[in-house]
Amino acid sequence: MRHSGPLRIVPDFSFPFSKVVISPHEGVDLGYISACYSVRFYVNVSLDAFSRGEGDGIQAQLFLDHSCKQGTVEISRALWEKLGKPRQAVLVADDTGQKVLFLTKKPE
């Protein structure tokens, strides 16, 4: 699995629920190099559960955009609220790159 560093979450009130934007620098850390990916995002799931393939994912579009500041992730307000309104998250991509975990708490 690949992961980003800690990213500051920037909620965007205009985003649809299924849109997530990161900078291309974070994209490379996760193994992404194209501008857009269709992935399943997992929220409120532990890293262990994610590793075992547990939890329900949300089908979403992941965009790599140079206008997104490095060290941030832009998400919809609704997704931010579903995550519990955290200030930071680490993104963890599985080996296929088709599943991404929003890790908002340090693993136990």
PDB file of N, CA and C in Angstrom:
ATOM      1  N   MET A   1       0.838  -1.185   0.000  1.00  0.00           N
ATOM      2  CA  MET A   1       0.000   0.000   0.000  1.00  0.00           C
ATOM      3  C   MET A   1       0.877   1.240   0.000  1.00  0.00           C
ATOM      4  N   ARG A   2       0.356   2.273  -0.621  1.00  0.00           N
ATOM      5  CA  ARG A   2       1.044   3.564  -0.652  1.00  0.00           C
ATOM      6  C   ARG A   2       0.226   4.569   0.144  1.00  0.00           C
ATOM      7  N   HIS A   3       0.909   5.589   0.677  1.00  0.00           N
ATOM      8  CA  HIS A   3       0.172   6.596   1.440  1.00  0.00           C
ATOM      9  C   HIS A   3       0.761   7.975   1.222  1.00  0.00           C
ATOM     10  N   SER A   4      -0.067   8.965   1.451  1.00  0.00           N
ATOM     11  CA  SER A   4       0.376  10.351   1.399  1.00  0.00           C
ATOM     12  C   SER A   4       0.932  10.726   2.763  1.00  0.00           C
ATOM     13  N   GLY A   5       1.505  11.904   2.839  1.00  0.00           N
ATOM     14  CA  GLY A   5       1.805  12.476   4.140  1.00  0.00           C
ATOM     15  C   GLY A   5       0.518  13.063   4.700  1.00  0.00           C
ATOM     16  N   PRO A   6       0.560  13.644   5.887  1.00  0.00           N
ATOM     17  CA  PRO A   6      -0.637  14.295   6.422  1.00  0.00           C
ATOM     18  C   PRO A   6      -1.058  15.447   5.505  1.00  0.00           C
ATOM     19  N   LEU A   7      -2.335  15.457   5.151  1.00  0.00           N
ATOM     20  CA  LEU A   7      -2.868  16.480   4.256  1.00  0.00           C
ATOM     21  C   LEU A   7      -3.890  17.332   5.003  1.00  0.00           C
ATOM     22  N   ARG A   8      -3.789  18.640   4.845  1.00  0.00           N
ATOM     23  CA  ARG A   8      -4.787  19.543   5.420  1.00  0.00           C
ATOM     24  C   ARG A   8      -6.046  19.442   4.574  1.00  0.00           C
ATOM     25  N   ILE A   9      -7.177  19.247   5.218  1.00  0.00           N
ATOM     26  CA  ILE A   9      -8.443  19.103   4.500  1.00  0.00           C
ATOM     27  C   ILE A   9      -9.050  20.476   4.252  1.00  0.00           C
ATOM     28  N   VAL A  10      -9.408  20.732   2.992  1.00  0.00           N
ATOM     29  CA  VAL A  10     -10.065  21.976   2.603  1.00  0.00           C
ATOM     30  C   VAL A  10     -11.450  21.621   2.079  1.00  0.00           C
ATOM     31  N   PRO A  11     -12.503  21.842   2.892  1.00  0.00           N
ATOM     32  CA  PRO A  11     -13.857  21.552   2.405  1.00  0.00           C
ATOM     33  C   PRO A  11     -14.278  22.603   1.381  1.00  0.00           C
ATOM     34  N   ASP A  12     -14.839  22.161   0.276  1.00  0.00           N
ATOM     35  CA  ASP A  12     -15.313  23.069  -0.778  1.00  0.00           C
ATOM     36  C   ASP A  12     -16.826  22.905  -0.885  1.00  0.00           C
ATOM     37  N   PHE A  13     -17.537  23.986  -0.612  1.00  0.00           N
ATOM     38  CA  PHE A  13     -18.995  23.942  -0.588  1.00  0.00           C
ATOM     39  C   PHE A  13     -19.597  23.718  -1.965  1.00  0.00           C
ATOM     40  N   SER A  14     -18.828  23.955  -3.021  1.00  0.00           N
ATOM     41  CA  SER A  14     -19.362  23.796  -4.381  1.00  0.00           C
ATOM     42  C   SER A  14     -19.136  22.392  -4.952  1.00  0.00           C
ATOM     43  N   PHE A  15     -18.331  21.571  -4.283  1.00  0.00           N
ATOM     44  CA  PHE A  15     -18.011  20.237  -4.806  1.00  0.00           C
ATOM     45  C   PHE A  15     -19.181  19.278  -4.637  1.00  0.00           C
ATOM     46  N   PRO A  16     -19.402  18.407  -5.630  1.00  0.00           N
ATOM     47  CA  PRO A  16     -20.323  17.294  -5.399  1.00  0.00           C
ATOM     48  C   PRO A  16     -19.672  16.320  -4.409  1.00  0.00           C
ATOM     49  N   PHE A  17     -20.488  15.508  -3.766  1.00  0.00           N
ATOM     50  CA  PHE A  17     -20.019  14.585  -2.730  1.00  0.00           C
ATOM     51  C   PHE A  17     -18.875  13.700  -3.219  1.00  0.00           C
ATOM     52  N   SER A  18     -18.918  13.310  -4.473  1.00  0.00           N
ATOM     53  CA  SER A  18     -17.977  12.306  -4.986  1.00  0.00           C
ATOM     54  C   SER A  18     -16.728  12.894  -5.647  1.00  0.00           C
ATOM     55  N   LYS A  19     -16.417  14.153  -5.396  1.00  0.00           N
ATOM     56  CA  LYS A  19     -15.227  14.772  -6.002  1.00  0.00           C
ATOM     57  C   LYS A  19     -14.162  15.004  -4.935  1.00  0.00           C
ATOM     58  N   VAL A  20     -12.948  14.530  -5.217  1.00  0.00           N
ATOM     59  CA  VAL A  20     -11.801  14.720  -4.331  1.00  0.00           C
ATOM     60  C   VAL A  20     -10.647  15.222  -5.189  1.00  0.00           C
ATOM     61  N   VAL A  21      -9.958  16.268  -4.715  1.00  0.00           N
ATOM     62  CA  VAL A  21      -8.859  16.862  -5.479  1.00  0.00           C
ATOM     63  C   VAL A  21      -7.597  16.897  -4.616  1.00  0.00           C
ATOM     64  N   ILE A  22      -6.495  16.443  -5.203  1.00  0.00           N
ATOM     65  CA  ILE A  22      -5.187  16.532  -4.560  1.00  0.00           C
ATOM     66  C   ILE A  22      -4.199  17.110  -5.566  1.00  0.00           C
ATOM     67  N   SER A  23      -3.037  17.518  -5.074  1.00  0.00           N
ATOM     68  CA  SER A  23      -2.009  18.009  -5.992  1.00  0.00           C
ATOM     69  C   SER A  23      -1.335  16.814  -6.668  1.00  0.00           C
ATOM     70  N   PRO A  24      -0.763  17.031  -7.842  1.00  0.00           N
ATOM     71  CA  PRO A  24      -0.046  15.939  -8.509  1.00  0.00           C
ATOM     72  C   PRO A  24       1.087  15.352  -7.661  1.00  0.00           C
ATOM     73  N   HIS A  25       1.674  16.154  -6.762  1.00  0.00           N
ATOM     74  CA  HIS A  25       2.745  15.641  -5.902  1.00  0.00           C
ATOM     75  C   HIS A  25       2.226  14.524  -4.996  1.00  0.00           C
ATOM     76  N   GLU A  26       1.046  14.744  -4.396  1.00  0.00           N
ATOM     77  CA  GLU A  26       0.446  13.696  -3.574  1.00  0.00           C
ATOM     78  C   GLU A  26       0.006  12.524  -4.442  1.00  0.00           C
ATOM     79  N   GLY A  27      -0.423  12.822  -5.656  1.00  0.00           N
ATOM     80  CA  GLY A  27      -0.806  11.761  -6.578  1.00  0.00           C
ATOM     81  C   GLY A  27       0.332  10.798  -6.841  1.00  0.00           C
ATOM     82  N   VAL A  28       1.526  11.326  -7.043  1.00  0.00           N
ATOM     83  CA  VAL A  28       2.700  10.479  -7.284  1.00  0.00           C
ATOM     84  C   VAL A  28       2.983   9.610  -6.059  1.00  0.00           C
ATOM     85  N   ASP A  29       2.851  10.191  -4.854  1.00  0.00           N
ATOM     86  CA  ASP A  29       3.057   9.404  -3.628  1.00  0.00           C
ATOM     87  C   ASP A  29       2.121   8.202  -3.570  1.00  0.00           C
ATOM     88  N   LEU A  30       0.915   8.373  -4.123  1.00  0.00           N
ATOM     89  CA  LEU A  30      -0.091   7.311  -4.095  1.00  0.00           C
ATOM     90  C   LEU A  30      -0.038   6.411  -5.326  1.00  0.00           C
ATOM     91  N   GLY A  31       0.828   6.752  -6.289  1.00  0.00           N
ATOM     92  CA  GLY A  31       0.958   5.945  -7.498  1.00  0.00           C
ATOM     93  C   GLY A  31       0.086   6.404  -8.647  1.00  0.00           C
ATOM     94  N   TYR A  32      -0.450   7.626  -8.563  1.00  0.00           N
ATOM     95  CA  TYR A  32      -1.308   8.163  -9.623  1.00  0.00           C
ATOM     96  C   TYR A  32      -0.543   9.218 -10.416  1.00  0.00           C
ATOM     97  N   ILE A  33      -0.672   9.167 -11.753  1.00  0.00           N
ATOM     98  CA  ILE A  33       0.012  10.159 -12.581  1.00  0.00           C
ATOM     99  C   ILE A  33      -0.910  10.823 -13.593  1.00  0.00           C
ATOM    100  N   SER A  34      -2.089  10.264 -13.830  1.00  0.00           N
ATOM    101  CA  SER A  34      -3.047  10.869 -14.766  1.00  0.00           C
ATOM    102  C   SER A  34      -3.876  11.920 -14.036  1.00  0.00           C
ATOM    103  N   ALA A  35      -4.667  12.673 -14.787  1.00  0.00           N
ATOM    104  CA  ALA A  35      -5.433  13.780 -14.216  1.00  0.00           C
ATOM    105  C   ALA A  35      -6.651  13.343 -13.418  1.00  0.00           C
ATOM    106  N   CYS A  36      -7.231  12.179 -13.733  1.00  0.00           N
ATOM    107  CA  CYS A  36      -8.475  11.778 -13.081  1.00  0.00           C
ATOM    108  C   CYS A  36      -8.552  10.259 -12.951  1.00  0.00           C
ATOM    109  N   TYR A  37      -9.072   9.814 -11.817  1.00  0.00           N
ATOM    110  CA  TYR A  37      -9.251   8.386 -11.555  1.00  0.00           C
ATOM    111  C   TYR A  37     -10.616   8.146 -10.934  1.00  0.00           C
ATOM    112  N   SER A  38     -11.216   7.036 -11.280  1.00  0.00           N
ATOM    113  CA  SER A  38     -12.433   6.583 -10.624  1.00  0.00           C
ATOM    114  C   SER A  38     -12.006   5.571  -9.565  1.00  0.00           C
ATOM    115  N   VAL A  39     -12.249   5.898  -8.300  1.00  0.00           N
ATOM    116  CA  VAL A  39     -11.807   5.046  -7.193  1.00  0.00           C
ATOM    117  C   VAL A  39     -12.934   4.886  -6.175  1.00  0.00           C
ATOM    118  N   ARG A  40     -12.756   3.950  -5.274  1.00  0.00           N
ATOM    119  CA  ARG A  40     -13.671   3.798  -4.134  1.00  0.00           C
ATOM    120  C   ARG A  40     -12.959   4.351  -2.905  1.00  0.00           C
ATOM    121  N   PHE A  41     -13.583   5.344  -2.282  1.00  0.00           N
ATOM    122  CA  PHE A  41     -13.041   5.929  -1.061  1.00  0.00           C
ATOM    123  C   PHE A  41     -13.692   5.277   0.144  1.00  0.00           C
ATOM    124  N   TYR A  42     -12.874   4.956   1.115  1.00  0.00           N
ATOM    125  CA  TYR A  42     -13.349   4.355   2.358  1.00  0.00           C
ATOM    126  C   TYR A  42     -13.154   5.365   3.477  1.00  0.00           C
ATOM    127  N   VAL A  43     -14.208   5.593   4.243  1.00  0.00           N
ATOM    128  CA  VAL A  43     -14.165   6.551   5.348  1.00  0.00           C
ATOM    129  C   VAL A  43     -14.629   5.850   6.617  1.00  0.00           C
ATOM    130  N   ASN A  44     -14.141   6.336   7.750  1.00  0.00           N
ATOM    131  CA  ASN A  44     -14.531   5.800   9.059  1.00  0.00           C
ATOM    132  C   ASN A  44     -14.279   4.294   9.158  1.00  0.00           C
ATOM    133  N   VAL A  45     -13.168   3.850   8.550  1.00  0.00           N
ATOM    134  CA  VAL A  45     -12.742   2.453   8.576  1.00  0.00           C
ATOM    135  C   VAL A  45     -11.291   2.445   9.057  1.00  0.00           C
ATOM    136  N   SER A  46     -10.947   1.495   9.900  1.00  0.00           N
ATOM    137  CA  SER A  46      -9.562   1.413  10.374  1.00  0.00           C
ATOM    138  C   SER A  46      -8.649   0.924   9.250  1.00  0.00           C
ATOM    139  N   LEU A  47      -7.363   1.168   9.414  1.00  0.00           N
ATOM    140  CA  LEU A  47      -6.384   0.710   8.431  1.00  0.00           C
ATOM    141  C   LEU A  47      -6.397  -0.815   8.335  1.00  0.00           C
ATOM    142  N   ASP A  48      -6.530  -1.492   9.476  1.00  0.00           N
ATOM    143  CA  ASP A  48      -6.581  -2.959   9.463  1.00  0.00           C
ATOM    144  C   ASP A  48      -7.797  -3.463   8.693  1.00  0.00           C
ATOM    145  N   ALA A  49      -8.958  -2.865   8.945  1.00  0.00           N
ATOM    146  CA  ALA A  49     -10.182  -3.278   8.247  1.00  0.00           C
ATOM    147  C   ALA A  49     -10.053  -3.009   6.748  1.00  0.00           C
ATOM    148  N   PHE A  50      -9.482  -1.870   6.391  1.00  0.00           N
ATOM    149  CA  PHE A  50      -9.258  -1.528   4.982  1.00  0.00           C
ATOM    150  C   PHE A  50      -8.336  -2.558   4.333  1.00  0.00           C
ATOM    151  N   SER A  51      -7.280  -2.943   5.034  1.00  0.00           N
ATOM    152  CA  SER A  51      -6.328  -3.936   4.519  1.00  0.00           C
ATOM    153  C   SER A  51      -6.994  -5.282   4.266  1.00  0.00           C
ATOM    154  N   ARG A  52      -7.990  -5.603   5.089  1.00  0.00           N
ATOM    155  CA  ARG A  52      -8.716  -6.867   4.934  1.00  0.00           C
ATOM    156  C   ARG A  52      -9.853  -6.765   3.924  1.00  0.00           C
ATOM    157  N   GLY A  53     -10.073  -5.574   3.367  1.00  0.00           N
ATOM    158  CA  GLY A  53     -11.140  -5.394   2.380  1.00  0.00           C
ATOM    159  C   GLY A  53     -12.506  -5.188   2.987  1.00  0.00           C
ATOM    160  N   GLU A  54     -12.556  -4.813   4.259  1.00  0.00           N
ATOM    161  CA  GLU A  54     -13.828  -4.598   4.933  1.00  0.00           C
ATOM    162  C   GLU A  54     -14.296  -3.155   4.767  1.00  0.00           C
ATOM    163  N   GLY A  55     -15.579  -2.939   4.979  1.00  0.00           N
ATOM    164  CA  GLY A  55     -16.150  -1.599   4.912  1.00  0.00           C
ATOM    165  C   GLY A  55     -16.785  -1.328   3.565  1.00  0.00           C
ATOM    166  N   ASP A  56     -17.654  -0.337   3.558  1.00  0.00           N
ATOM    167  CA  ASP A  56     -18.331   0.072   2.329  1.00  0.00           C
ATOM    168  C   ASP A  56     -17.632   1.286   1.747  1.00  0.00           C
ATOM    169  N   GLY A  57     -17.317   1.218   0.487  1.00  0.00           N
ATOM    170  CA  GLY A  57     -16.664   2.330  -0.175  1.00  0.00           C
ATOM    171  C   GLY A  57     -17.658   3.239  -0.865  1.00  0.00           C
ATOM    172  N   ILE A  58     -17.197   4.432  -1.166  1.00  0.00           N
ATOM    173  CA  ILE A  58     -17.973   5.434  -1.886  1.00  0.00           C
ATOM    174  C   ILE A  58     -17.315   5.615  -3.248  1.00  0.00           C
ATOM    175  N   GLN A  59     -18.041   5.374  -4.318  1.00  0.00           N
ATOM    176  CA  GLN A  59     -17.477   5.575  -5.653  1.00  0.00           C
ATOM    177  C   GLN A  59     -17.276   7.069  -5.865  1.00  0.00           C
ATOM    178  N   ALA A  60     -16.079   7.457  -6.269  1.00  0.00           N
ATOM    179  CA  ALA A  60     -15.760   8.879  -6.401  1.00  0.00           C
ATOM    180  C   ALA A  60     -14.738   9.106  -7.509  1.00  0.00           C
ATOM    181  N   GLN A  61     -14.566  10.373  -7.835  1.00  0.00           N
ATOM    182  CA  GLN A  61     -13.567  10.791  -8.810  1.00  0.00           C
ATOM    183  C   GLN A  61     -12.430  11.478  -8.065  1.00  0.00           C
ATOM    184  N   LEU A  62     -11.222  11.013  -8.297  1.00  0.00           N
ATOM    185  CA  LEU A  62     -10.025  11.612  -7.721  1.00  0.00           C
ATOM    186  C   LEU A  62      -9.329  12.402  -8.818  1.00  0.00           C
ATOM    187  N   PHE A  63      -9.186  13.704  -8.594  1.00  0.00           N
ATOM    188  CA  PHE A  63      -8.552  14.588  -9.572  1.00  0.00           C
ATOM    189  C   PHE A  63      -7.190  15.030  -9.054  1.00  0.00           C
ATOM    190  N   LEU A  64      -6.206  15.037  -9.943  1.00  0.00           N
ATOM    191  CA  LEU A  64      -4.901  15.611  -9.654  1.00  0.00           C
ATOM    192  C   LEU A  64      -4.864  16.958 -10.351  1.00  0.00           C
ATOM    193  N   ASP A  65      -4.734  18.023  -9.577  1.00  0.00           N
ATOM    194  CA  ASP A  65      -4.858  19.370 -10.133  1.00  0.00           C
ATOM    195  C   ASP A  65      -3.755  20.262  -9.568  1.00  0.00           C
ATOM    196  N   HIS A  66      -3.014  20.915 -10.457  1.00  0.00           N
ATOM    197  CA  HIS A  66      -1.933  21.808 -10.035  1.00  0.00           C
ATOM    198  C   HIS A  66      -2.441  23.000  -9.240  1.00  0.00           C
ATOM    199  N   SER A  67      -3.724  23.346  -9.368  1.00  0.00           N
ATOM    200  CA  SER A  67      -4.257  24.471  -8.599  1.00  0.00           C
ATOM    201  C   SER A  67      -4.490  24.096  -7.134  1.00  0.00           C
ATOM    202  N   CYS A  68      -4.454  22.815  -6.814  1.00  0.00           N
ATOM    203  CA  CYS A  68      -4.581  22.354  -5.427  1.00  0.00           C
ATOM    204  C   CYS A  68      -3.201  22.466  -4.779  1.00  0.00           C
ATOM    205  N   LYS A  69      -3.133  23.181  -3.673  1.00  0.00           N
ATOM    206  CA  LYS A  69      -1.847  23.373  -3.007  1.00  0.00           C
ATOM    207  C   LYS A  69      -1.296  22.048  -2.493  1.00  0.00           C
ATOM    208  N   GLN A  70       0.011  21.905  -2.622  1.00  0.00           N
ATOM    209  CA  GLN A  70       0.665  20.707  -2.104  1.00  0.00           C
ATOM    210  C   GLN A  70       0.409  20.624  -0.600  1.00  0.00           C
ATOM    211  N   GLY A  71       0.140  19.419  -0.113  1.00  0.00           N
ATOM    212  CA  GLY A  71      -0.121  19.232   1.307  1.00  0.00           C
ATOM    213  C   GLY A  71      -1.572  19.417   1.704  1.00  0.00           C
ATOM    214  N   THR A  72      -2.462  19.533   0.693  1.00  0.00           N
ATOM    215  CA  THR A  72      -3.887  19.669   0.987  1.00  0.00           C
ATOM    216  C   THR A  72      -4.691  18.661   0.175  1.00  0.00           C
ATOM    217  N   VAL A  73      -5.906  18.408   0.640  1.00  0.00           N
ATOM    218  CA  VAL A  73      -6.882  17.619  -0.105  1.00  0.00           C
ATOM    219  C   VAL A  73      -8.181  18.410  -0.066  1.00  0.00           C
ATOM    220  N   GLU A  74      -8.785  18.609  -1.230  1.00  0.00           N
ATOM    221  CA  GLU A  74     -10.038  19.350  -1.330  1.00  0.00           C
ATOM    222  C   GLU A  74     -11.176  18.347  -1.485  1.00  0.00           C
ATOM    223  N   ILE A  75     -12.183  18.467  -0.620  1.00  0.00           N
ATOM    224  CA  ILE A  75     -13.323  17.548  -0.642  1.00  0.00           C
ATOM    225  C   ILE A  75     -14.610  18.341  -0.460  1.00  0.00           C
ATOM    226  N   SER A  76     -15.725  17.689  -0.714  1.00  0.00           N
ATOM    227  CA  SER A  76     -17.020  18.342  -0.527  1.00  0.00           C
ATOM    228  C   SER A  76     -17.290  18.541   0.963  1.00  0.00           C
ATOM    229  N   ARG A  77     -18.141  19.501   1.241  1.00  0.00           N
ATOM    230  CA  ARG A  77     -18.524  19.737   2.633  1.00  0.00           C
ATOM    231  C   ARG A  77     -19.217  18.496   3.204  1.00  0.00           C
ATOM    232  N   ALA A  78     -20.053  17.849   2.392  1.00  0.00           N
ATOM    233  CA  ALA A  78     -20.780  16.665   2.860  1.00  0.00           C
ATOM    234  C   ALA A  78     -19.821  15.532   3.236  1.00  0.00           C
ATOM    235  N   LEU A  79     -18.797  15.311   2.426  1.00  0.00           N
ATOM    236  CA  LEU A  79     -17.819  14.268   2.746  1.00  0.00           C
ATOM    237  C   LEU A  79     -17.034  14.647   3.999  1.00  0.00           C
ATOM    238  N   TRP A  80     -16.671  15.906   4.113  1.00  0.00           N
ATOM    239  CA  TRP A  80     -15.954  16.398   5.286  1.00  0.00           C
ATOM    240  C   TRP A  80     -16.767  16.138   6.558  1.00  0.00           C
ATOM    241  N   GLU A  81     -18.072  16.405   6.478  1.00  0.00           N
ATOM    242  CA  GLU A  81     -18.941  16.152   7.629  1.00  0.00           C
ATOM    243  C   GLU A  81     -19.035  14.656   7.927  1.00  0.00           C
ATOM    244  N   LYS A  82     -19.104  13.828   6.882  1.00  0.00           N
ATOM    245  CA  LYS A  82     -19.164  12.369   7.069  1.00  0.00           C
ATOM    246  C   LYS A  82     -17.896  11.857   7.752  1.00  0.00           C
ATOM    247  N   LEU A  83     -16.770  12.503   7.473  1.00  0.00           N
ATOM    248  CA  LEU A  83     -15.498  12.137   8.094  1.00  0.00           C
ATOM    249  C   LEU A  83     -15.407  12.603   9.548  1.00  0.00           C
ATOM    250  N   GLY A  84     -16.340  13.465   9.983  1.00  0.00           N
ATOM    251  CA  GLY A  84     -16.300  13.994  11.341  1.00  0.00           C
ATOM    252  C   GLY A  84     -15.627  15.347  11.443  1.00  0.00           C
ATOM    253  N   LYS A  85     -15.529  16.069  10.332  1.00  0.00           N
ATOM    254  CA  LYS A  85     -14.939  17.412  10.250  1.00  0.00           C
ATOM    255  C   LYS A  85     -13.483  17.476  10.736  1.00  0.00           C
ATOM    256  N   PRO A  86     -12.648  16.533  10.291  1.00  0.00           N
ATOM    257  CA  PRO A  86     -11.242  16.562  10.722  1.00  0.00           C
ATOM    258  C   PRO A  86     -10.473  17.678  10.020  1.00  0.00           C
ATOM    259  N   ARG A  87      -9.360  18.045  10.599  1.00  0.00           N
ATOM    260  CA  ARG A  87      -8.494  19.058   9.988  1.00  0.00           C
ATOM    261  C   ARG A  87      -7.496  18.431   9.017  1.00  0.00           C
ATOM    262  N   GLN A  88      -7.109  17.179   9.294  1.00  0.00           N
ATOM    263  CA  GLN A  88      -6.108  16.505   8.467  1.00  0.00           C
ATOM    264  C   GLN A  88      -6.515  15.069   8.191  1.00  0.00           C
ATOM    265  N   ALA A  89      -5.935  14.538   7.131  1.00  0.00           N
ATOM    266  CA  ALA A  89      -6.124  13.124   6.798  1.00  0.00           C
ATOM    267  C   ALA A  89      -4.883  12.633   6.065  1.00  0.00           C
ATOM    268  N   VAL A  90      -4.685  11.346   6.131  1.00  0.00           N
ATOM    269  CA  VAL A  90      -3.679  10.667   5.319  1.00  0.00           C
ATOM    270  C   VAL A  90      -4.457   9.796   4.349  1.00  0.00           C
ATOM    271  N   LEU A  91      -4.095   9.842   3.073  1.00  0.00           N
ATOM    272  CA  LEU A  91      -4.738   8.982   2.088  1.00  0.00           C
ATOM    273  C   LEU A  91      -3.885   7.732   1.915  1.00  0.00           C
ATOM    274  N   VAL A  92      -4.535   6.583   1.928  1.00  0.00           N
ATOM    275  CA  VAL A  92      -3.850   5.300   1.769  1.00  0.00           C
ATOM    276  C   VAL A  92      -4.478   4.590   0.581  1.00  0.00           C
ATOM    277  N   ALA A  93      -3.673   4.287  -0.439  1.00  0.00           N
ATOM    278  CA  ALA A  93      -4.166   3.583  -1.629  1.00  0.00           C
ATOM    279  C   ALA A  93      -3.756   2.120  -1.553  1.00  0.00           C
ATOM    280  N   ASP A  94      -4.679   1.234  -1.925  1.00  0.00           N
ATOM    281  CA  ASP A  94      -4.330  -0.188  -1.959  1.00  0.00           C
ATOM    282  C   ASP A  94      -3.403  -0.449  -3.140  1.00  0.00           C
ATOM    283  N   ASP A  95      -2.914  -1.662  -3.250  1.00  0.00           N
ATOM    284  CA  ASP A  95      -1.936  -1.990  -4.290  1.00  0.00           C
ATOM    285  C   ASP A  95      -2.493  -1.876  -5.703  1.00  0.00           C
ATOM    286  N   THR A  96      -3.812  -1.975  -5.864  1.00  0.00           N
ATOM    287  CA  THR A  96      -4.419  -1.846  -7.191  1.00  0.00           C
ATOM    288  C   THR A  96      -4.637  -0.391  -7.577  1.00  0.00           C
ATOM    289  N   GLY A  97      -4.654   0.507  -6.590  1.00  0.00           N
ATOM    290  CA  GLY A  97      -4.940   1.914  -6.856  1.00  0.00           C
ATOM    291  C   GLY A  97      -6.415   2.196  -7.050  1.00  0.00           C
ATOM    292  N   GLN A  98      -7.259   1.193  -6.870  1.00  0.00           N
ATOM    293  CA  GLN A  98      -8.697   1.372  -7.076  1.00  0.00           C
ATOM    294  C   GLN A  98      -9.445   1.673  -5.790  1.00  0.00           C
ATOM    295  N   LYS A  99      -8.783   1.509  -4.646  1.00  0.00           N
ATOM    296  CA  LYS A  99      -9.401   1.786  -3.354  1.00  0.00           C
ATOM    297  C   LYS A  99      -8.500   2.732  -2.576  1.00  0.00           C
ATOM    298  N   VAL A 100      -9.113   3.744  -1.957  1.00  0.00           N
ATOM    299  CA  VAL A 100      -8.358   4.728  -1.186  1.00  0.00           C
ATOM    300  C   VAL A 100      -9.047   4.926   0.163  1.00  0.00           C
ATOM    301  N   LEU A 101      -8.266   4.896   1.222  1.00  0.00           N
ATOM    302  CA  LEU A 101      -8.772   5.106   2.575  1.00  0.00           C
ATOM    303  C   LEU A 101      -8.475   6.530   3.012  1.00  0.00           C
ATOM    304  N   PHE A 102      -9.492   7.212   3.565  1.00  0.00           N
ATOM    305  CA  PHE A 102      -9.294   8.481   4.253  1.00  0.00           C
ATOM    306  C   PHE A 102      -8.992   8.128   5.698  1.00  0.00           C
ATOM    307  N   LEU A 103      -7.744   8.181   6.097  1.00  0.00           N
ATOM    308  CA  LEU A 103      -7.351   7.858   7.464  1.00  0.00           C
ATOM    309  C   LEU A 103      -7.255   9.166   8.241  1.00  0.00           C
ATOM    310  N   THR A 104      -8.196   9.369   9.159  1.00  0.00           N
ATOM    311  CA  THR A 104      -8.239  10.635   9.891  1.00  0.00           C
ATOM    312  C   THR A 104      -7.731  10.501  11.312  1.00  0.00           C
ATOM    313  N   LYS A 105      -7.461   9.282  11.754  1.00  0.00           N
ATOM    314  CA  LYS A 105      -6.901   9.048  13.084  1.00  0.00           C
ATOM    315  C   LYS A 105      -5.679   8.163  12.927  1.00  0.00           C
ATOM    316  N   LYS A 106      -4.726   8.332  13.825  1.00  0.00           N
ATOM    317  CA  LYS A 106      -3.522   7.507  13.768  1.00  0.00           C
ATOM    318  C   LYS A 106      -3.886   6.051  14.037  1.00  0.00           C
ATOM    319  N   PRO A 107      -3.269   5.111  13.305  1.00  0.00           N
ATOM    320  CA  PRO A 107      -3.560   3.699  13.555  1.00  0.00           C
ATOM    321  C   PRO A 107      -3.173   3.302  14.978  1.00  0.00           C
ATOM    322  N   GLU A 108      -3.968   2.409  15.572  1.00  0.00           N
ATOM    323  CA  GLU A 108      -3.697   1.966  16.949  1.00  0.00           C
ATOM    324  C   GLU A 108      -2.750   0.796  16.961  1.00  0.00           C
TER     325      GLU A 108
END
